[in-house]
């Protein structure tokens, strides 16, 4: 069996362990929390492929993710981590903690 070239976005988010269920992935997509290659998507059936860049506002954090692989199953975290690489953008973490980057003088 050959590996597929494309996969549904909701299924990929579940395989890559960004969400606990496909229904939660579909809900986030429909709410407009996910962009594929800078385009807002609202359909869970949107197809993604290797090289696509996802911008996701998930659980109080903005993440920019490049898709490295298409998952065949929801495997262990190590397998899921191989499906993507994190890109650090200027506004990746949404910080409201007010932590100082310098030590106290």
Foldseek 3Di string as FASTA:
>chain_A
DDDDFKFFQLVLCCLLPVDVDSVVSLVQLLVQQKDWQNHRGNGRRDIDGAQIWMFGCPPQFTWIKGAHDGDPGNDDNVVSPNGIDTDDDPRGGRDDPPDDPDDDD
